[in-house]
Amino acid sequence: MGDNNARVKKVRGEHCLNIFVSYELKQQLKALADKYDRTTSDIVRAVLRIGIPMMEGLSQAEEIMVKEYVELFRKLRQVKSLKEI
C-alpha cells in the first residue's frame, strides 16, 4: 500500500479502549444490538465510526460560527462608533 514506514505499529492490546457509560446508555446499546442481531461491541464500533465525523463537523461548524459572530460584533461596533461621530 505505500511506504512501510507510514504503517502503524500494532501492539497487542494497544487497540483496546475501556470506557464507563451510564446504565441507561448501556441498555440502549444492548437493545440496538439485539434489534439488529449484532454484538454490543459491533454497535459501539458503528456508533463511534458514525459519531466521529459528526463531531468533527460540529466542531468545524462551531469554529465558523464563532468566527462569524466575532466579525459581526466588530462590524456592529464600527457602525455604532460611526453613528456617535
PDB file of N, CA and C in Angstrom:
ATOM      1  N   MET A   1       0.825  -1.172   0.000  1.00  0.00           N
ATOM      2  CA  MET A   1       0.000   0.000   0.000  1.00  0.00           C
ATOM      3  C   MET A   1       0.861   1.222   0.000  1.00  0.00           C
ATOM      4  N   GLY A   2       1.841   1.379   0.456  1.00  0.00           N
ATOM      5  CA  GLY A   2       2.643   2.577   0.438  1.00  0.00           C
ATOM      6  C   GLY A   2       3.921   2.298   1.163  1.00  0.00           C
ATOM      7  N   ASP A   3       4.475   3.331   1.664  1.00  0.00           N
ATOM      8  CA  ASP A   3       5.717   3.230   2.405  1.00  0.00           C
ATOM      9  C   ASP A   3       5.502   2.456   3.709  1.00  0.00           C
ATOM     10  N   ASN A   4       6.351   1.477   3.955  1.00  0.00           N
ATOM     11  CA  ASN A   4       6.231   0.685   5.179  1.00  0.00           C
ATOM     12  C   ASN A   4       6.437   1.530   6.426  1.00  0.00           C
ATOM     13  N   ASN A   5       7.185   2.619   6.320  1.00  0.00           N
ATOM     14  CA  ASN A   5       7.418   3.482   7.472  1.00  0.00           C
ATOM     15  C   ASN A   5       6.141   4.196   7.902  1.00  0.00           C
ATOM     16  N   ALA A   6       5.174   4.334   7.003  1.00  0.00           N
ATOM     17  CA  ALA A   6       3.928   5.030   7.304  1.00  0.00           C
ATOM     18  C   ALA A   6       2.940   4.132   8.043  1.00  0.00           C
ATOM     19  N   ARG A   7       3.210   2.848   8.099  1.00  0.00           N
ATOM     20  CA  ARG A   7       2.300   1.922   8.767  1.00  0.00           C
ATOM     21  C   ARG A   7       2.339   2.117  10.273  1.00  0.00           C
ATOM     22  N   VAL A   8       1.193   1.879  10.882  1.00  0.00           N
ATOM     23  CA  VAL A   8       1.111   1.961  12.332  1.00  0.00           C
ATOM     24  C   VAL A   8       1.623   0.657  12.920  1.00  0.00           C
ATOM     25  N   LYS A   9       2.472   0.781  13.912  1.00  0.00           N
ATOM     26  CA  LYS A   9       2.980  -0.418  14.573  1.00  0.00           C
ATOM     27  C   LYS A   9       1.884  -0.936  15.496  1.00  0.00           C
ATOM     28  N   LYS A  10       1.433  -2.151  15.243  1.00  0.00           N
ATOM     29  CA  LYS A  10       0.349  -2.732  16.022  1.00  0.00           C
ATOM     30  C   LYS A  10       0.928  -3.501  17.204  1.00  0.00           C
ATOM     31  N   VAL A  11       0.507  -3.098  18.372  1.00  0.00           N
ATOM     32  CA  VAL A  11       0.943  -3.750  19.597  1.00  0.00           C
ATOM     33  C   VAL A  11      -0.268  -4.426  20.212  1.00  0.00           C
ATOM     34  N   ARG A  12      -0.106  -5.656  20.620  1.00  0.00           N
ATOM     35  CA  ARG A  12      -1.231  -6.410  21.199  1.00  0.00           C
ATOM     36  C   ARG A  12      -1.858  -5.624  22.352  1.00  0.00           C
ATOM     37  N   GLY A  13      -3.171  -5.437  22.256  1.00  0.00           N
ATOM     38  CA  GLY A  13      -3.893  -4.738  23.314  1.00  0.00           C
ATOM     39  C   GLY A  13      -3.905  -3.230  23.171  1.00  0.00           C
ATOM     40  N   GLU A  14      -3.093  -2.696  22.296  1.00  0.00           N
ATOM     41  CA  GLU A  14      -2.988  -1.249  22.132  1.00  0.00           C
ATOM     42  C   GLU A  14      -4.259  -0.660  21.514  1.00  0.00           C
ATOM     43  N   HIS A  15      -5.030  -1.476  20.826  1.00  0.00           N
ATOM     44  CA  HIS A  15      -6.245  -1.006  20.168  1.00  0.00           C
ATOM     45  C   HIS A  15      -7.468  -1.060  21.088  1.00  0.00           C
ATOM     46  N   CYS A  16      -7.297  -1.544  22.285  1.00  0.00           N
ATOM     47  CA  CYS A  16      -8.420  -1.683  23.218  1.00  0.00           C
ATOM     48  C   CYS A  16      -8.711  -0.366  23.912  1.00  0.00           C
ATOM     49  N   LEU A  17      -9.995  -0.191  24.231  1.00  0.00           N
ATOM     50  CA  LEU A  17     -10.432   1.027  24.906  1.00  0.00           C
ATOM     51  C   LEU A  17     -11.469   0.633  25.945  1.00  0.00           C
ATOM     52  N   ASN A  18     -11.197   0.923  27.188  1.00  0.00           N
ATOM     53  CA  ASN A  18     -12.156   0.645  28.253  1.00  0.00           C
ATOM     54  C   ASN A  18     -12.824   1.951  28.643  1.00  0.00           C
ATOM     55  N   ILE A  19     -14.151   1.965  28.590  1.00  0.00           N
ATOM     56  CA  ILE A  19     -14.880   3.173  28.975  1.00  0.00           C
ATOM     57  C   ILE A  19     -16.016   2.795  29.922  1.00  0.00           C
ATOM     58  N   PHE A  20     -16.402   3.739  30.749  1.00  0.00           N
ATOM     59  CA  PHE A  20     -17.539   3.559  31.627  1.00  0.00           C
ATOM     60  C   PHE A  20     -18.680   4.401  31.077  1.00  0.00           C
ATOM     61  N   VAL A  21     -19.856   3.806  30.976  1.00  0.00           N
ATOM     62  CA  VAL A  21     -21.039   4.510  30.488  1.00  0.00           C
ATOM     63  C   VAL A  21     -22.154   4.335  31.516  1.00  0.00           C
ATOM     64  N   SER A  22     -23.180   5.145  31.374  1.00  0.00           N
ATOM     65  CA  SER A  22     -24.305   5.018  32.299  1.00  0.00           C
ATOM     66  C   SER A  22     -25.047   3.712  32.027  1.00  0.00           C
ATOM     67  N   TYR A  23     -25.779   3.292  33.005  1.00  0.00           N
ATOM     68  CA  TYR A  23     -26.584   2.077  32.873  1.00  0.00           C
ATOM     69  C   TYR A  23     -27.569   2.238  31.717  1.00  0.00           C
ATOM     70  N   GLU A  24     -28.165   3.435  31.609  1.00  0.00           N
ATOM     71  CA  GLU A  24     -29.147   3.692  30.554  1.00  0.00           C
ATOM     72  C   GLU A  24     -28.520   3.593  29.161  1.00  0.00           C
ATOM     73  N   LEU A  25     -27.329   4.153  29.001  1.00  0.00           N
ATOM     74  CA  LEU A  25     -26.657   4.088  27.698  1.00  0.00           C
ATOM     75  C   LEU A  25     -26.301   2.649  27.349  1.00  0.00           C
ATOM     76  N   LYS A  26     -25.833   1.910  28.332  1.00  0.00           N
ATOM     77  CA  LYS A  26     -25.504   0.504  28.092  1.00  0.00           C
ATOM     78  C   LYS A  26     -26.749  -0.259  27.654  1.00  0.00           C
ATOM     79  N   GLN A  27     -27.871   0.008  28.285  1.00  0.00           N
ATOM     80  CA  GLN A  27     -29.116  -0.663  27.909  1.00  0.00           C
ATOM     81  C   GLN A  27     -29.545  -0.293  26.489  1.00  0.00           C
ATOM     82  N   GLN A  28     -29.345   0.979  26.110  1.00  0.00           N
ATOM     83  CA  GLN A  28     -29.668   1.401  24.740  1.00  0.00           C
ATOM     84  C   GLN A  28     -28.797   0.666  23.725  1.00  0.00           C
ATOM     85  N   LEU A  29     -27.516   0.563  24.020  1.00  0.00           N
ATOM     86  CA  LEU A  29     -26.594  -0.134  23.124  1.00  0.00           C
ATOM     87  C   LEU A  29     -26.957  -1.611  23.010  1.00  0.00           C
ATOM     88  N   LYS A  30     -27.284  -2.235  24.141  1.00  0.00           N
ATOM     89  CA  LYS A  30     -27.674  -3.650  24.124  1.00  0.00           C
ATOM     90  C   LYS A  30     -28.975  -3.846  23.353  1.00  0.00           C
ATOM     91  N   ALA A  31     -29.931  -2.911  23.504  1.00  0.00           N
ATOM     92  CA  ALA A  31     -31.204  -3.014  22.781  1.00  0.00           C
ATOM     93  C   ALA A  31     -30.980  -2.905  21.278  1.00  0.00           C
ATOM     94  N   LEU A  32     -30.094  -1.990  20.850  1.00  0.00           N
ATOM     95  CA  LEU A  32     -29.764  -1.876  19.428  1.00  0.00           C
ATOM     96  C   LEU A  32     -29.111  -3.152  18.916  1.00  0.00           C
ATOM     97  N   ALA A  33     -28.209  -3.700  19.713  1.00  0.00           N
ATOM     98  CA  ALA A  33     -27.527  -4.933  19.323  1.00  0.00           C
ATOM     99  C   ALA A  33     -28.536  -6.059  19.142  1.00  0.00           C
ATOM    100  N   ASP A  34     -29.464  -6.175  20.067  1.00  0.00           N
ATOM    101  CA  ASP A  34     -30.494  -7.216  19.961  1.00  0.00           C
ATOM    102  C   ASP A  34     -31.384  -6.982  18.743  1.00  0.00           C
ATOM    103  N   LYS A  35     -31.772  -5.736  18.543  1.00  0.00           N
ATOM    104  CA  LYS A  35     -32.670  -5.391  17.440  1.00  0.00           C
ATOM    105  C   LYS A  35     -32.063  -5.751  16.090  1.00  0.00           C
ATOM    106  N   TYR A  36     -30.776  -5.482  15.917  1.00  0.00           N
ATOM    107  CA  TYR A  36     -30.113  -5.706  14.629  1.00  0.00           C
ATOM    108  C   TYR A  36     -29.271  -6.972  14.605  1.00  0.00           C
ATOM    109  N   ASP A  37     -29.440  -7.833  15.608  1.00  0.00           N
ATOM    110  CA  ASP A  37     -28.733  -9.104  15.684  1.00  0.00           C
ATOM    111  C   ASP A  37     -27.227  -8.919  15.543  1.00  0.00           C
ATOM    112  N   ARG A  38     -26.699  -8.028  16.330  1.00  0.00           N
ATOM    113  CA  ARG A  38     -25.264  -7.739  16.355  1.00  0.00           C
ATOM    114  C   ARG A  38     -24.770  -7.843  17.795  1.00  0.00           C
ATOM    115  N   THR A  39     -23.472  -7.810  17.965  1.00  0.00           N
ATOM    116  CA  THR A  39     -22.932  -7.763  19.320  1.00  0.00           C
ATOM    117  C   THR A  39     -22.937  -6.311  19.789  1.00  0.00           C
ATOM    118  N   THR A  40     -22.895  -6.144  21.090  1.00  0.00           N
ATOM    119  CA  THR A  40     -22.829  -4.783  21.639  1.00  0.00           C
ATOM    120  C   THR A  40     -21.550  -4.093  21.153  1.00  0.00           C
ATOM    121  N   SER A  41     -20.472  -4.841  21.036  1.00  0.00           N
ATOM    122  CA  SER A  41     -19.218  -4.275  20.542  1.00  0.00           C
ATOM    123  C   SER A  41     -19.364  -3.765  19.108  1.00  0.00           C
ATOM    124  N   ASP A  42     -20.077  -4.526  18.271  1.00  0.00           N
ATOM    125  CA  ASP A  42     -20.323  -4.085  16.886  1.00  0.00           C
ATOM    126  C   ASP A  42     -21.081  -2.756  16.873  1.00  0.00           C
ATOM    127  N   ILE A  43     -22.085  -2.649  17.742  1.00  0.00           N
ATOM    128  CA  ILE A  43     -22.881  -1.418  17.800  1.00  0.00           C
ATOM    129  C   ILE A  43     -22.020  -0.257  18.275  1.00  0.00           C
ATOM    130  N   VAL A  44     -21.215  -0.473  19.302  1.00  0.00           N
ATOM    131  CA  VAL A  44     -20.344   0.596  19.812  1.00  0.00           C
ATOM    132  C   VAL A  44     -19.376   1.054  18.723  1.00  0.00           C
ATOM    133  N   ARG A  45     -18.777   0.109  17.997  1.00  0.00           N
ATOM    134  CA  ARG A  45     -17.859   0.479  16.912  1.00  0.00           C
ATOM    135  C   ARG A  45     -18.583   1.276  15.829  1.00  0.00           C
ATOM    136  N   ALA A  46     -19.796   0.854  15.476  1.00  0.00           N
ATOM    137  CA  ALA A  46     -20.563   1.561  14.449  1.00  0.00           C
ATOM    138  C   ALA A  46     -20.909   2.978  14.909  1.00  0.00           C
ATOM    139  N   VAL A  47     -21.331   3.101  16.154  1.00  0.00           N
ATOM    140  CA  VAL A  47     -21.680   4.429  16.689  1.00  0.00           C
ATOM    141  C   VAL A  47     -20.458   5.338  16.685  1.00  0.00           C
ATOM    142  N   LEU A  48     -19.306   4.805  17.038  1.00  0.00           N
ATOM    143  CA  LEU A  48     -18.087   5.613  17.030  1.00  0.00           C
ATOM    144  C   LEU A  48     -17.693   6.014  15.603  1.00  0.00           C
ATOM    145  N   ARG A  49     -17.782   5.065  14.667  1.00  0.00           N
ATOM    146  CA  ARG A  49     -17.437   5.378  13.270  1.00  0.00           C
ATOM    147  C   ARG A  49     -18.342   6.461  12.705  1.00  0.00           C
ATOM    148  N   ILE A  50     -19.607   6.408  13.052  1.00  0.00           N
ATOM    149  CA  ILE A  50     -20.565   7.408  12.566  1.00  0.00           C
ATOM    150  C   ILE A  50     -20.426   8.715  13.344  1.00  0.00           C
ATOM    151  N   GLY A  51     -20.232   8.601  14.645  1.00  0.00           N
ATOM    152  CA  GLY A  51     -20.210   9.779  15.511  1.00  0.00           C
ATOM    153  C   GLY A  51     -18.982  10.647  15.380  1.00  0.00           C
ATOM    154  N   ILE A  52     -17.833  10.064  15.092  1.00  0.00           N
ATOM    155  CA  ILE A  52     -16.595  10.854  14.999  1.00  0.00           C
ATOM    156  C   ILE A  52     -16.680  11.886  13.881  1.00  0.00           C
ATOM    157  N   PRO A  53     -17.060  11.517  12.654  1.00  0.00           N
ATOM    158  CA  PRO A  53     -17.187  12.537  11.616  1.00  0.00           C
ATOM    159  C   PRO A  53     -18.247  13.598  11.948  1.00  0.00           C
ATOM    160  N   MET A  54     -19.314  13.169  12.610  1.00  0.00           N
ATOM    161  CA  MET A  54     -20.343  14.133  13.006  1.00  0.00           C
ATOM    162  C   MET A  54     -19.775  15.143  13.997  1.00  0.00           C
ATOM    163  N   MET A  55     -19.028  14.671  14.976  1.00  0.00           N
ATOM    164  CA  MET A  55     -18.436  15.576  15.967  1.00  0.00           C
ATOM    165  C   MET A  55     -17.405  16.495  15.329  1.00  0.00           C
ATOM    166  N   GLU A  56     -16.625  15.963  14.383  1.00  0.00           N
ATOM    167  CA  GLU A  56     -15.659  16.806  13.681  1.00  0.00           C
ATOM    168  C   GLU A  56     -16.389  17.894  12.908  1.00  0.00           C
ATOM    169  N   GLY A  57     -17.490  17.529  12.263  1.00  0.00           N
ATOM    170  CA  GLY A  57     -18.285  18.510  11.526  1.00  0.00           C
ATOM    171  C   GLY A  57     -18.881  19.559  12.447  1.00  0.00           C
ATOM    172  N   LEU A  58     -19.367  19.126  13.608  1.00  0.00           N
ATOM    173  CA  LEU A  58     -19.915  20.070  14.575  1.00  0.00           C
ATOM    174  C   LEU A  58     -18.838  21.017  15.085  1.00  0.00           C
ATOM    175  N   SER A  59     -17.657  20.492  15.326  1.00  0.00           N
ATOM    176  CA  SER A  59     -16.551  21.332  15.803  1.00  0.00           C
ATOM    177  C   SER A  59     -16.183  22.378  14.761  1.00  0.00           C
ATOM    178  N   GLN A  60     -16.125  21.959  13.494  1.00  0.00           N
ATOM    179  CA  GLN A  60     -15.815  22.917  12.424  1.00  0.00           C
ATOM    180  C   GLN A  60     -16.912  23.962  12.310  1.00  0.00           C
ATOM    181  N   ALA A  61     -18.163  23.539  12.399  1.00  0.00           N
ATOM    182  CA  ALA A  61     -19.283  24.477  12.320  1.00  0.00           C
ATOM    183  C   ALA A  61     -19.241  25.463  13.481  1.00  0.00           C
ATOM    184  N   GLU A  62     -18.890  24.975  14.656  1.00  0.00           N
ATOM    185  CA  GLU A  62     -18.793  25.836  15.829  1.00  0.00           C
ATOM    186  C   GLU A  62     -17.692  26.877  15.647  1.00  0.00           C
ATOM    187  N   GLU A  63     -16.547  26.459  15.106  1.00  0.00           N
ATOM    188  CA  GLU A  63     -15.455  27.399  14.859  1.00  0.00           C
ATOM    189  C   GLU A  63     -15.879  28.480  13.879  1.00  0.00           C
ATOM    190  N   ILE A  64     -16.568  28.093  12.820  1.00  0.00           N
ATOM    191  CA  ILE A  64     -17.038  29.059  11.819  1.00  0.00           C
ATOM    192  C   ILE A  64     -18.050  30.007  12.454  1.00  0.00           C
ATOM    193  N   MET A  65     -18.960  29.464  13.244  1.00  0.00           N
ATOM    194  CA  MET A  65     -19.976  30.277  13.885  1.00  0.00           C
ATOM    195  C   MET A  65     -19.343  31.329  14.797  1.00  0.00           C
ATOM    196  N   VAL A  66     -18.363  30.945  15.596  1.00  0.00           N
ATOM    197  CA  VAL A  66     -17.701  31.876  16.499  1.00  0.00           C
ATOM    198  C   VAL A  66     -16.971  32.953  15.693  1.00  0.00           C
ATOM    199  N   LYS A  67     -16.279  32.534  14.640  1.00  0.00           N
ATOM    200  CA  LYS A  67     -15.552  33.491  13.796  1.00  0.00           C
ATOM    201  C   LYS A  67     -16.511  34.502  13.170  1.00  0.00           C
ATOM    202  N   GLU A  68     -17.634  34.011  12.631  1.00  0.00           N
ATOM    203  CA  GLU A  68     -18.621  34.900  12.015  1.00  0.00           C
ATOM    204  C   GLU A  68     -19.242  35.825  13.052  1.00  0.00           C
ATOM    205  N   TYR A  69     -19.507  35.320  14.243  1.00  0.00           N
ATOM    206  CA  TYR A  69     -20.088  36.131  15.310  1.00  0.00           C
ATOM    207  C   TYR A  69     -19.147  37.255  15.702  1.00  0.00           C
ATOM    208  N   VAL A  70     -17.854  36.949  15.823  1.00  0.00           N
ATOM    209  CA  VAL A  70     -16.860  37.967  16.186  1.00  0.00           C
ATOM    210  C   VAL A  70     -16.796  39.041  15.104  1.00  0.00           C
ATOM    211  N   GLU A  71     -16.802  38.622  13.835  1.00  0.00           N
ATOM    212  CA  GLU A  71     -16.780  39.591  12.732  1.00  0.00           C
ATOM    213  C   GLU A  71     -18.024  40.469  12.744  1.00  0.00           C
ATOM    214  N   LEU A  72     -19.172  39.863  12.981  1.00  0.00           N
ATOM    215  CA  LEU A  72     -20.416  40.621  13.050  1.00  0.00           C
ATOM    216  C   LEU A  72     -20.378  41.613  14.205  1.00  0.00           C
ATOM    217  N   PHE A  73     -19.887  41.180  15.349  1.00  0.00           N
ATOM    218  CA  PHE A  73     -19.779  42.056  16.511  1.00  0.00           C
ATOM    219  C   PHE A  73     -18.864  43.243  16.222  1.00  0.00           C
ATOM    220  N   ARG A  74     -17.733  42.994  15.565  1.00  0.00           N
ATOM    221  CA  ARG A  74     -16.813  44.083  15.204  1.00  0.00           C
ATOM    222  C   ARG A  74     -17.477  45.082  14.267  1.00  0.00           C
ATOM    223  N   LYS A  75     -18.215  44.560  13.279  1.00  0.00           N
ATOM    224  CA  LYS A  75     -18.907  45.446  12.338  1.00  0.00           C
ATOM    225  C   LYS A  75     -19.959  46.287  13.046  1.00  0.00           C
ATOM    226  N   LEU A  76     -20.680  45.675  13.968  1.00  0.00           N
ATOM    227  CA  LEU A  76     -21.689  46.420  14.717  1.00  0.00           C
ATOM    228  C   LEU A  76     -21.057  47.508  15.575  1.00  0.00           C
ATOM    229  N   ARG A  77     -19.900  47.209  16.170  1.00  0.00           N
ATOM    230  CA  ARG A  77     -19.185  48.222  16.957  1.00  0.00           C
ATOM    231  C   ARG A  77     -18.728  49.369  16.072  1.00  0.00           C
ATOM    232  N   GLN A  78     -18.252  49.042  14.862  1.00  0.00           N
ATOM    233  CA  GLN A  78     -17.816  50.086  13.935  1.00  0.00           C
ATOM    234  C   GLN A  78     -18.985  50.967  13.538  1.00  0.00           C
ATOM    235  N   VAL A  79     -20.129  50.374  13.244  1.00  0.00           N
ATOM    236  CA  VAL A  79     -21.315  51.133  12.866  1.00  0.00           C
ATOM    237  C   VAL A  79     -21.749  52.019  14.014  1.00  0.00           C
ATOM    238  N   LYS A  80     -21.732  51.487  15.222  1.00  0.00           N
ATOM    239  CA  LYS A  80     -22.127  52.264  16.403  1.00  0.00           C
ATOM    240  C   LYS A  80     -21.187  53.432  16.608  1.00  0.00           C
ATOM    241  N   SER A  81     -19.873  53.221  16.434  1.00  0.00           N
ATOM    242  CA  SER A  81     -18.919  54.321  16.627  1.00  0.00           C
ATOM    243  C   SER A  81     -19.059  55.364  15.528  1.00  0.00           C
ATOM    244  N   LEU A  82     -19.435  54.966  14.307  1.00  0.00           N
ATOM    245  CA  LEU A  82     -19.655  55.927  13.228  1.00  0.00           C
ATOM    246  C   LEU A  82     -20.889  56.771  13.512  1.00  0.00           C
ATOM    247  N   LYS A  83     -21.909  56.197  14.090  1.00  0.00           N
ATOM    248  CA  LYS A  83     -23.135  56.942  14.425  1.00  0.00           C
ATOM    249  C   LYS A  83     -22.880  57.970  15.512  1.00  0.00           C
ATOM    250  N   GLU A  84     -21.942  57.689  16.407  1.00  0.00           N
ATOM    251  CA  GLU A  84     -21.646  58.611  17.513  1.00  0.00           C
ATOM    252  C   GLU A  84     -20.867  59.824  17.039  1.00  0.00           C
ATOM    253  N   ILE A  85     -20.230  59.744  15.886  1.00  0.00           N
ATOM    254  CA  ILE A  85     -19.420  60.858  15.375  1.00  0.00           C
ATOM    255  C   ILE A  85     -20.273  61.939  14.811  1.00  0.00           C
TER     256      ILE A  85
END
